[in-house]
PDB file of N, CA and C in Angstrom:
ATOM      1  N   UNK A   1     -11.794  27.595 -38.254  1.00  0.00           N
ATOM      2  CA  UNK A   1     -10.610  26.636 -37.277  1.00  0.00           C
ATOM      3  C   UNK A   1      -9.286  26.902 -38.219  1.00  0.00           C
ATOM      4  N   UNK A   2      -8.250  27.345 -37.324  1.00  0.00           N
ATOM      5  CA  UNK A   2      -7.146  27.574 -37.878  1.00  0.00           C
ATOM      6  C   UNK A   2      -6.459  26.203 -38.200  1.00  0.00           C
ATOM      7  N   UNK A   3      -5.265  26.669 -39.054  1.00  0.00           N
ATOM      8  CA  UNK A   3      -4.323  25.651 -39.774  1.00  0.00           C
ATOM      9  C   UNK A   3      -3.645  24.965 -38.772  1.00  0.00           C
ATOM     10  N   UNK A   4      -3.282  25.358 -37.524  1.00  0.00           N
ATOM     11  CA  UNK A   4      -2.302  24.846 -36.656  1.00  0.00           C
ATOM     12  C   UNK A   4      -3.091  23.929 -36.167  1.00  0.00           C
ATOM     13  N   UNK A   5      -4.314  23.631 -35.935  1.00  0.00           N
ATOM     14  CA  UNK A   5      -4.999  22.491 -35.529  1.00  0.00           C
ATOM     15  C   UNK A   5      -4.622  21.072 -36.446  1.00  0.00           C
ATOM     16  N   UNK A   6      -4.142  21.457 -37.714  1.00  0.00           N
ATOM     17  CA  UNK A   6      -4.266  20.120 -38.508  1.00  0.00           C
ATOM     18  C   UNK A   6      -2.579  19.873 -38.480  1.00  0.00           C
ATOM     19  N   UNK A   7      -1.840  20.841 -38.554  1.00  0.00           N
ATOM     20  CA  UNK A   7      -0.353  20.778 -38.636  1.00  0.00           C
ATOM     21  C   UNK A   7       0.232  20.311 -37.037  1.00  0.00           C
ATOM     22  N   UNK A   8      -0.389  20.298 -36.143  1.00  0.00           N
ATOM     23  CA  UNK A   8       0.086  20.024 -34.543  1.00  0.00           C
ATOM     24  C   UNK A   8       0.303  18.630 -34.682  1.00  0.00           C
ATOM     25  N   UNK A   9      -0.386  17.904 -34.941  1.00  0.00           N
ATOM     26  CA  UNK A   9      -0.458  16.386 -35.074  1.00  0.00           C
ATOM     27  C   UNK A   9       0.804  16.035 -35.705  1.00  0.00           C
ATOM     28  N   UNK A  10       0.829  16.437 -37.024  1.00  0.00           N
ATOM     29  CA  UNK A  10       2.020  16.092 -37.870  1.00  0.00           C
ATOM     30  C   UNK A  10       3.371  16.540 -37.126  1.00  0.00           C
ATOM     31  N   UNK A  11       3.275  17.984 -36.558  1.00  0.00           N
ATOM     32  CA  UNK A  11       4.563  18.072 -36.269  1.00  0.00           C
ATOM     33  C   UNK A  11       5.019  17.153 -34.900  1.00  0.00           C
ATOM     34  N   UNK A  12       3.983  16.728 -34.178  1.00  0.00           N
ATOM     35  CA  UNK A  12       4.333  16.070 -33.090  1.00  0.00           C
ATOM     36  C   UNK A  12       4.396  14.566 -33.223  1.00  0.00           C
ATOM     37  N   UNK A  13       4.043  13.948 -34.805  1.00  0.00           N
ATOM     38  CA  UNK A  13       4.296  12.633 -35.094  1.00  0.00           C
ATOM     39  C   UNK A  13       5.569  12.338 -36.082  1.00  0.00           C
ATOM     40  N   UNK A  14       5.780  13.650 -36.270  1.00  0.00           N
ATOM     41  CA  UNK A  14       7.093  13.245 -37.309  1.00  0.00           C
ATOM     42  C   UNK A  14       8.058  12.699 -36.733  1.00  0.00           C
ATOM     43  N   UNK A  15       8.646  13.063 -35.538  1.00  0.00           N
ATOM     44  CA  UNK A  15       9.996  12.235 -35.027  1.00  0.00           C
ATOM     45  C   UNK A  15       9.561  10.436 -35.252  1.00  0.00           C
ATOM     46  N   UNK A  16       8.383  10.505 -35.005  1.00  0.00           N
ATOM     47  CA  UNK A  16       8.099   9.062 -35.016  1.00  0.00           C
ATOM     48  C   UNK A  16       8.227   8.421 -36.467  1.00  0.00           C
ATOM     49  N   UNK A  17       7.673   8.849 -37.292  1.00  0.00           N
ATOM     50  CA  UNK A  17       7.907   8.414 -38.573  1.00  0.00           C
ATOM     51  C   UNK A  17       9.214   8.509 -38.940  1.00  0.00           C
ATOM     52  N   UNK A  18       9.666   9.484 -38.712  1.00  0.00           N
ATOM     53  CA  UNK A  18      11.410   9.835 -38.984  1.00  0.00           C
ATOM     54  C   UNK A  18      12.299   8.651 -38.533  1.00  0.00           C
ATOM     55  N   UNK A  19      11.993   8.402 -37.145  1.00  0.00           N
ATOM     56  CA  UNK A  19      13.149   7.374 -36.939  1.00  0.00           C
ATOM     57  C   UNK A  19      12.512   5.964 -36.950  1.00  0.00           C
ATOM     58  N   UNK A  20      11.268   5.806 -37.027  1.00  0.00           N
ATOM     59  CA  UNK A  20      10.880   4.466 -37.502  1.00  0.00           C
ATOM     60  C   UNK A  20      11.487   3.711 -38.726  1.00  0.00           C
ATOM     61  N   UNK A  21      12.026   4.612 -39.547  1.00  0.00           N
ATOM     62  CA  UNK A  21      12.485   4.133 -40.966  1.00  0.00           C
ATOM     63  C   UNK A  21      14.223   4.055 -40.749  1.00  0.00           C
ATOM     64  N   UNK A  22      14.663   5.065 -39.636  1.00  0.00           N
ATOM     65  CA  UNK A  22      16.141   5.018 -39.552  1.00  0.00           C
ATOM     66  C   UNK A  22      16.891   3.686 -38.887  1.00  0.00           C
ATOM     67  N   UNK A  23      17.736   3.358 -39.077  1.00  0.00           N
ATOM     68  CA  UNK A  23      18.443   2.103 -38.520  1.00  0.00           C
ATOM     69  C   UNK A  23      19.378   2.924 -37.375  1.00  0.00           C
ATOM     70  N   UNK A  24      19.061   3.016 -36.026  1.00  0.00           N
ATOM     71  CA  UNK A  24      19.629   3.362 -34.899  1.00  0.00           C
ATOM     72  C   UNK A  24      20.764   2.348 -34.230  1.00  0.00           C
ATOM     73  N   UNK A  25      21.820   2.762 -34.040  1.00  0.00           N
ATOM     74  CA  UNK A  25      22.863   2.062 -33.499  1.00  0.00           C
ATOM     75  C   UNK A  25      22.531   1.636 -32.178  1.00  0.00           C
ATOM     76  N   UNK A  26      22.733   0.158 -31.680  1.00  0.00           N
ATOM     77  CA  UNK A  26      22.285  -0.212 -30.387  1.00  0.00           C
ATOM     78  C   UNK A  26      22.844   0.589 -29.295  1.00  0.00           C
ATOM     79  N   UNK A  27      23.787   1.194 -29.479  1.00  0.00           N
ATOM     80  CA  UNK A  27      24.243   2.164 -28.209  1.00  0.00           C
ATOM     81  C   UNK A  27      23.317   3.235 -27.993  1.00  0.00           C
ATOM     82  N   UNK A  28      22.748   4.015 -29.235  1.00  0.00           N
ATOM     83  CA  UNK A  28      21.908   5.118 -29.394  1.00  0.00           C
ATOM     84  C   UNK A  28      20.687   4.613 -28.708  1.00  0.00           C
ATOM     85  N   UNK A  29      20.126   3.240 -29.087  1.00  0.00           N
ATOM     86  CA  UNK A  29      18.918   2.940 -28.918  1.00  0.00           C
ATOM     87  C   UNK A  29      18.718   2.460 -27.287  1.00  0.00           C
ATOM     88  N   UNK A  30      20.062   2.002 -26.645  1.00  0.00           N
ATOM     89  CA  UNK A  30      19.922   1.639 -25.237  1.00  0.00           C
ATOM     90  C   UNK A  30      20.202   3.062 -24.213  1.00  0.00           C
ATOM     91  N   UNK A  31      20.727   4.051 -24.718  1.00  0.00           N
ATOM     92  CA  UNK A  31      20.902   5.198 -24.274  1.00  0.00           C
ATOM     93  C   UNK A  31      19.314   5.950 -24.440  1.00  0.00           C
ATOM     94  N   UNK A  32      18.480   5.867 -25.395  1.00  0.00           N
ATOM     95  CA  UNK A  32      17.322   6.098 -25.383  1.00  0.00           C
ATOM     96  C   UNK A  32      16.315   5.841 -24.334  1.00  0.00           C
ATOM     97  N   UNK A  33      16.435   4.587 -24.041  1.00  0.00           N
ATOM     98  CA  UNK A  33      15.751   3.775 -23.137  1.00  0.00           C
ATOM     99  C   UNK A  33      15.661   4.592 -21.742  1.00  0.00           C
ATOM    100  N   UNK A  34      16.703   5.262 -21.368  1.00  0.00           N
ATOM    101  CA  UNK A  34      16.956   5.853 -20.158  1.00  0.00           C
ATOM    102  C   UNK A  34      15.931   7.222 -20.089  1.00  0.00           C
ATOM    103  N   UNK A  35      15.677   7.837 -21.176  1.00  0.00           N
ATOM    104  CA  UNK A  35      15.272   9.201 -21.445  1.00  0.00           C
ATOM    105  C   UNK A  35      13.737   8.981 -20.559  1.00  0.00           C
ATOM    106  N   UNK A  36      12.782   8.346 -20.827  1.00  0.00           N
ATOM    107  CA  UNK A  36      11.565   8.491 -20.001  1.00  0.00           C
ATOM    108  C   UNK A  36      11.622   8.616 -18.518  1.00  0.00           C
ATOM    109  N   UNK A  37      12.726   7.546 -18.236  1.00  0.00           N
ATOM    110  CA  UNK A  37      12.847   7.372 -16.649  1.00  0.00           C
ATOM    111  C   UNK A  37      13.641   8.741 -16.002  1.00  0.00           C
ATOM    112  N   UNK A  38      14.563   9.476 -16.753  1.00  0.00           N
ATOM    113  CA  UNK A  38      14.906  10.523 -16.441  1.00  0.00           C
ATOM    114  C   UNK A  38      14.068  11.713 -16.273  1.00  0.00           C
ATOM    115  N   UNK A  39      13.142  11.662 -17.087  1.00  0.00           N
ATOM    116  CA  UNK A  39      12.416  12.745 -17.252  1.00  0.00           C
ATOM    117  C   UNK A  39      11.089  12.733 -16.321  1.00  0.00           C
ATOM    118  N   UNK A  40      10.688  11.357 -15.838  1.00  0.00           N
ATOM    119  CA  UNK A  40       9.844  11.203 -14.964  1.00  0.00           C
ATOM    120  C   UNK A  40      10.338  11.262 -13.407  1.00  0.00           C
ATOM    121  N   UNK A  41      11.600  10.925 -13.327  1.00  0.00           N
ATOM    122  CA  UNK A  41      12.346  11.354 -11.982  1.00  0.00           C
ATOM    123  C   UNK A  41      12.488  12.901 -11.933  1.00  0.00           C
ATOM    124  N   UNK A  42      12.675  13.395 -12.987  1.00  0.00           N
ATOM    125  CA  UNK A  42      12.674  15.087 -12.958  1.00  0.00           C
ATOM    126  C   UNK A  42      11.355  15.539 -12.329  1.00  0.00           C
ATOM    127  N   UNK A  43      10.149  15.284 -12.924  1.00  0.00           N
ATOM    128  CA  UNK A  43       9.089  15.824 -12.774  1.00  0.00           C
ATOM    129  C   UNK A  43       8.848  15.527 -11.451  1.00  0.00           C
ATOM    130  N   UNK A  44       9.045  14.085 -10.970  1.00  0.00           N
ATOM    131  CA  UNK A  44       8.471  13.754  -9.272  1.00  0.00           C
ATOM    132  C   UNK A  44       9.590  14.659  -8.245  1.00  0.00           C
ATOM    133  N   UNK A  45      10.459  15.010  -8.802  1.00  0.00           N
ATOM    134  CA  UNK A  45      11.848  15.316  -7.975  1.00  0.00           C
ATOM    135  C   UNK A  45      11.145  16.858  -7.500  1.00  0.00           C
ATOM    136  N   UNK A  46      10.634  17.600  -8.554  1.00  0.00           N
ATOM    137  CA  UNK A  46      10.113  18.954  -8.364  1.00  0.00           C
ATOM    138  C   UNK A  46       9.060  19.054  -7.768  1.00  0.00           C
ATOM    139  N   UNK A  47       7.930  18.019  -7.790  1.00  0.00           N
ATOM    140  CA  UNK A  47       6.904  17.934  -6.958  1.00  0.00           C
ATOM    141  C   UNK A  47       7.009  17.860  -5.750  1.00  0.00           C
ATOM    142  N   UNK A  48       8.192  16.876  -5.376  1.00  0.00           N
ATOM    143  CA  UNK A  48       8.237  16.476  -3.940  1.00  0.00           C
ATOM    144  C   UNK A  48       9.074  17.607  -3.340  1.00  0.00           C
ATOM    145  N   UNK A  49      10.002  18.201  -3.889  1.00  0.00           N
ATOM    146  CA  UNK A  49      10.904  18.959  -2.960  1.00  0.00           C
ATOM    147  C   UNK A  49      10.662  20.413  -3.082  1.00  0.00           C
ATOM    148  N   UNK A  50       9.870  20.809  -3.753  1.00  0.00           N
ATOM    149  CA  UNK A  50       9.384  22.253  -4.020  1.00  0.00           C
ATOM    150  C   UNK A  50       7.860  22.293  -3.405  1.00  0.00           C
ATOM    151  N   UNK A  51       7.611  22.878  -2.515  1.00  0.00           N
ATOM    152  CA  UNK A  51       6.590  23.459  -1.502  1.00  0.00           C
ATOM    153  C   UNK A  51       6.149  24.695  -1.611  1.00  0.00           C
ATOM    154  N   UNK A  52       4.936  25.236  -2.371  1.00  0.00           N
ATOM    155  CA  UNK A  52       4.684  26.595  -2.392  1.00  0.00           C
ATOM    156  C   UNK A  52       5.520  27.593  -3.261  1.00  0.00           C
ATOM    157  N   UNK A  53       6.305  26.917  -4.199  1.00  0.00           N
ATOM    158  CA  UNK A  53       7.264  27.520  -5.002  1.00  0.00           C
ATOM    159  C   UNK A  53       8.570  27.617  -4.686  1.00  0.00           C
ATOM    160  N   UNK A  54       9.029  27.000  -3.290  1.00  0.00           N
ATOM    161  CA  UNK A  54      10.269  27.158  -2.733  1.00  0.00           C
ATOM    162  C   UNK A  54      10.590  25.750  -2.696  1.00  0.00           C
ATOM    163  N   UNK A  55      12.182  25.519  -2.841  1.00  0.00           N
ATOM    164  CA  UNK A  55      12.837  24.175  -2.486  1.00  0.00           C
ATOM    165  C   UNK A  55      12.730  24.275  -0.739  1.00  0.00           C
ATOM    166  N   UNK A  56      12.180  23.143  -0.338  1.00  0.00           N
ATOM    167  CA  UNK A  56      12.142  22.923   0.958  1.00  0.00           C
ATOM    168  C   UNK A  56      12.100  21.238   1.380  1.00  0.00           C
ATOM    169  N   UNK A  57      12.874  21.168   2.155  1.00  0.00           N
ATOM    170  CA  UNK A  57      13.151  19.840   2.760  1.00  0.00           C
ATOM    171  C   UNK A  57      12.823  19.590   4.213  1.00  0.00           C
ATOM    172  N   UNK A  58      12.092  20.485   4.634  1.00  0.00           N
ATOM    173  CA  UNK A  58      11.473  20.429   6.008  1.00  0.00           C
ATOM    174  C   UNK A  58      10.480  19.587   6.116  1.00  0.00           C
ATOM    175  N   UNK A  59      10.299  18.498   6.637  1.00  0.00           N
ATOM    176  CA  UNK A  59       8.794  17.696   6.580  1.00  0.00           C
ATOM    177  C   UNK A  59       7.684  18.431   7.279  1.00  0.00           C
ATOM    178  N   UNK A  60       8.171  19.347   8.350  1.00  0.00           N
ATOM    179  CA  UNK A  60       7.051  20.244   8.960  1.00  0.00           C
ATOM    180  C   UNK A  60       6.413  21.153   8.154  1.00  0.00           C
ATOM    181  N   UNK A  61       7.109  21.566   7.039  1.00  0.00           N
ATOM    182  CA  UNK A  61       6.591  22.569   6.216  1.00  0.00           C
ATOM    183  C   UNK A  61       6.096  21.939   4.985  1.00  0.00           C
ATOM    184  N   UNK A  62       6.986  20.979   4.451  1.00  0.00           N
ATOM    185  CA  UNK A  62       6.698  20.588   3.002  1.00  0.00           C
ATOM    186  C   UNK A  62       6.063  19.086   3.488  1.00  0.00           C
ATOM    187  N   UNK A  63       4.666  19.507   3.015  1.00  0.00           N
ATOM    188  CA  UNK A  63       3.809  18.275   3.401  1.00  0.00           C
ATOM    189  C   UNK A  63       3.794  16.991   2.292  1.00  0.00           C
ATOM    190  N   UNK A  64       4.657  17.247   1.266  1.00  0.00           N
ATOM    191  CA  UNK A  64       4.466  16.070   0.103  1.00  0.00           C
ATOM    192  C   UNK A  64       5.794  15.260   0.658  1.00  0.00           C
ATOM    193  N   UNK A  65       6.798  15.420   1.645  1.00  0.00           N
ATOM    194  CA  UNK A  65       7.785  14.651   1.840  1.00  0.00           C
ATOM    195  C   UNK A  65       7.436  13.289   2.503  1.00  0.00           C
ATOM    196  N   UNK A  66       6.556  13.309   3.440  1.00  0.00           N
ATOM    197  CA  UNK A  66       6.015  12.068   4.044  1.00  0.00           C
ATOM    198  C   UNK A  66       5.236  11.217   3.133  1.00  0.00           C
ATOM    199  N   UNK A  67       4.376  11.601   2.565  1.00  0.00           N
ATOM    200  CA  UNK A  67       3.630  10.723   1.399  1.00  0.00           C
ATOM    201  C   UNK A  67       4.375  10.176   0.495  1.00  0.00           C
ATOM    202  N   UNK A  68       5.495  10.781  -0.073  1.00  0.00           N
ATOM    203  CA  UNK A  68       6.671  10.470  -0.973  1.00  0.00           C
ATOM    204  C   UNK A  68       7.031   9.212  -0.266  1.00  0.00           C
ATOM    205  N   UNK A  69       7.717   9.391   0.834  1.00  0.00           N
ATOM    206  CA  UNK A  69       8.475   8.211   1.547  1.00  0.00           C
ATOM    207  C   UNK A  69       7.400   6.893   1.797  1.00  0.00           C
ATOM    208  N   UNK A  70       5.973   7.268   2.050  1.00  0.00           N
ATOM    209  CA  UNK A  70       5.563   5.944   2.309  1.00  0.00           C
ATOM    210  C   UNK A  70       4.884   5.368   0.983  1.00  0.00           C
ATOM    211  N   UNK A  71       4.763   6.334   0.071  1.00  0.00           N
ATOM    212  CA  UNK A  71       4.213   5.957  -1.499  1.00  0.00           C
ATOM    213  C   UNK A  71       5.736   5.007  -1.883  1.00  0.00           C
ATOM    214  N   UNK A  72       6.662   5.429  -1.487  1.00  0.00           N
ATOM    215  CA  UNK A  72       8.087   4.639  -2.318  1.00  0.00           C
ATOM    216  C   UNK A  72       7.849   3.280  -1.416  1.00  0.00           C
ATOM    217  N   UNK A  73       7.768   3.142  -0.115  1.00  0.00           N
ATOM    218  CA  UNK A  73       7.566   2.009   0.854  1.00  0.00           C
ATOM    219  C   UNK A  73       6.796   1.199   0.232  1.00  0.00           C
ATOM    220  N   UNK A  74       5.678   1.858   0.017  1.00  0.00           N
ATOM    221  CA  UNK A  74       4.405   0.869  -0.507  1.00  0.00           C
ATOM    222  C   UNK A  74       4.776   0.034  -1.818  1.00  0.00           C
ATOM    223  N   UNK A  75       5.298   0.856  -2.628  1.00  0.00           N
ATOM    224  CA  UNK A  75       5.776   0.545  -3.978  1.00  0.00           C
ATOM    225  C   UNK A  75       6.520  -0.753  -4.015  1.00  0.00           C
ATOM    226  N   UNK A  76       7.408  -0.348  -3.174  1.00  0.00           N
ATOM    227  CA  UNK A  76       8.611  -1.504  -3.133  1.00  0.00           C
ATOM    228  C   UNK A  76       7.857  -3.003  -2.550  1.00  0.00           C
ATOM    229  N   UNK A  77       7.056  -2.622  -1.262  1.00  0.00           N
ATOM    230  CA  UNK A  77       6.526  -3.712  -0.957  1.00  0.00           C
ATOM    231  C   UNK A  77       5.336  -4.492  -1.695  1.00  0.00           C
ATOM    232  N   UNK A  78       4.293  -3.829  -2.179  1.00  0.00           N
ATOM    233  CA  UNK A  78       3.383  -4.152  -2.604  1.00  0.00           C
ATOM    234  C   UNK A  78       3.488  -4.492  -4.226  1.00  0.00           C
ATOM    235  N   UNK A  79       4.489  -3.606  -4.711  1.00  0.00           N
ATOM    236  CA  UNK A  79       4.630  -3.530  -6.560  1.00  0.00           C
ATOM    237  C   UNK A  79       3.216  -3.085  -7.119  1.00  0.00           C
ATOM    238  N   UNK A  80       2.361  -2.484  -6.609  1.00  0.00           N
ATOM    239  CA  UNK A  80       1.078  -2.149  -6.911  1.00  0.00           C
ATOM    240  C   UNK A  80       0.694  -0.576  -6.846  1.00  0.00           C
ATOM    241  N   UNK A  81       0.376  -0.354  -8.374  1.00  0.00           N
ATOM    242  CA  UNK A  81       0.199   1.129  -8.468  1.00  0.00           C
ATOM    243  C   UNK A  81      -1.137   1.636  -7.912  1.00  0.00           C
ATOM    244  N   UNK A  82      -1.909   0.983  -7.660  1.00  0.00           N
ATOM    245  CA  UNK A  82      -3.325   1.149  -7.051  1.00  0.00           C
ATOM    246  C   UNK A  82      -2.967   1.611  -5.610  1.00  0.00           C
ATOM    247  N   UNK A  83      -2.360   0.716  -4.806  1.00  0.00           N
ATOM    248  CA  UNK A  83      -2.039   0.812  -3.539  1.00  0.00           C
ATOM    249  C   UNK A  83      -1.060   1.870  -3.064  1.00  0.00           C
ATOM    250  N   UNK A  84      -0.036   2.353  -4.102  1.00  0.00           N
ATOM    251  CA  UNK A  84       0.659   3.312  -3.772  1.00  0.00           C
ATOM    252  C   UNK A  84      -0.059   4.750  -3.911  1.00  0.00           C
ATOM    253  N   UNK A  85      -1.005   4.905  -5.066  1.00  0.00           N
ATOM    254  CA  UNK A  85      -1.637   5.836  -5.275  1.00  0.00           C
ATOM    255  C   UNK A  85      -2.473   5.953  -4.032  1.00  0.00           C
ATOM    256  N   UNK A  86      -3.240   5.231  -3.597  1.00  0.00           N
ATOM    257  CA  UNK A  86      -4.058   5.281  -2.505  1.00  0.00           C
ATOM    258  C   UNK A  86      -3.502   5.583  -1.122  1.00  0.00           C
ATOM    259  N   UNK A  87      -2.382   4.981  -0.966  1.00  0.00           N
ATOM    260  CA  UNK A  87      -1.569   5.618   0.420  1.00  0.00           C
ATOM    261  C   UNK A  87      -1.062   7.080   0.147  1.00  0.00           C
ATOM    262  N   UNK A  88      -0.552   7.303  -1.113  1.00  0.00           N
ATOM    263  CA  UNK A  88      -0.093   8.719  -1.231  1.00  0.00           C
ATOM    264  C   UNK A  88      -1.138   9.731  -1.194  1.00  0.00           C
ATOM    265  N   UNK A  89      -2.308   9.318  -1.707  1.00  0.00           N
ATOM    266  CA  UNK A  89      -3.302  10.597  -1.661  1.00  0.00           C
ATOM    267  C   UNK A  89      -4.070  10.664  -0.374  1.00  0.00           C
ATOM    268  N   UNK A  90      -4.152   9.295   0.387  1.00  0.00           N
ATOM    269  CA  UNK A  90      -4.701   9.224   1.696  1.00  0.00           C
ATOM    270  C   UNK A  90      -4.087  10.077   2.591  1.00  0.00           C
ATOM    271  N   UNK A  91      -2.615   9.782   2.646  1.00  0.00           N
ATOM    272  CA  UNK A  91      -2.117  10.322   3.708  1.00  0.00           C
ATOM    273  C   UNK A  91      -1.722  11.859   3.584  1.00  0.00           C
ATOM    274  N   UNK A  92      -1.719  12.390   2.232  1.00  0.00           N
ATOM    275  CA  UNK A  92      -1.436  13.982   1.855  1.00  0.00           C
ATOM    276  C   UNK A  92      -3.012  14.594   2.420  1.00  0.00           C
ATOM    277  N   UNK A  93      -3.789  13.780   1.961  1.00  0.00           N
ATOM    278  CA  UNK A  93      -5.027  14.257   2.229  1.00  0.00           C
ATOM    279  C   UNK A  93      -5.156  14.491   3.798  1.00  0.00           C
ATOM    280  N   UNK A  94      -4.722  13.538   4.912  1.00  0.00           N
ATOM    281  CA  UNK A  94      -4.931  13.695   5.861  1.00  0.00           C
ATOM    282  C   UNK A  94      -3.914  14.741   6.398  1.00  0.00           C
ATOM    283  N   UNK A  95      -2.984  14.827   6.057  1.00  0.00           N
ATOM    284  CA  UNK A  95      -1.874  16.012   6.297  1.00  0.00           C
ATOM    285  C   UNK A  95      -2.453  17.587   6.147  1.00  0.00           C
ATOM    286  N   UNK A  96      -2.988  17.707   5.191  1.00  0.00           N
ATOM    287  CA  UNK A  96      -3.452  19.030   4.872  1.00  0.00           C
ATOM    288  C   UNK A  96      -5.034  19.040   5.516  1.00  0.00           C
ATOM    289  N   UNK A  97      -5.523  18.262   6.011  1.00  0.00           N
ATOM    290  CA  UNK A  97      -6.831  18.206   6.971  1.00  0.00           C
ATOM    291  C   UNK A  97      -6.115  18.637   8.386  1.00  0.00           C
ATOM    292  N   UNK A  98      -4.971  18.331   8.614  1.00  0.00           N
ATOM    293  CA  UNK A  98      -4.392  18.319  10.080  1.00  0.00           C
ATOM    294  C   UNK A  98      -3.998  19.793  10.165  1.00  0.00           C
TER     295      UNK A  98
END
């Protein structure tokens, strides 16, 4: 077994230990709260707007656009992750089968 398997957790957890002891300014702390949201939005946007490796906003070609809109509406109405996932997976499966 390589030494890398033992160093990887240390490398990944080192910022946690470093920043847990530092006193971070309130402005930086507030700014850091937006990082997970922006990363998630970037990941979702690439999955929605890129179909088969190309940027595509044509709903007749890009099959992920319609389920995305329906998931958003379901999430706003129900506030339920389970219902949102069920709607998205079901609609995408139906579109792929058609």
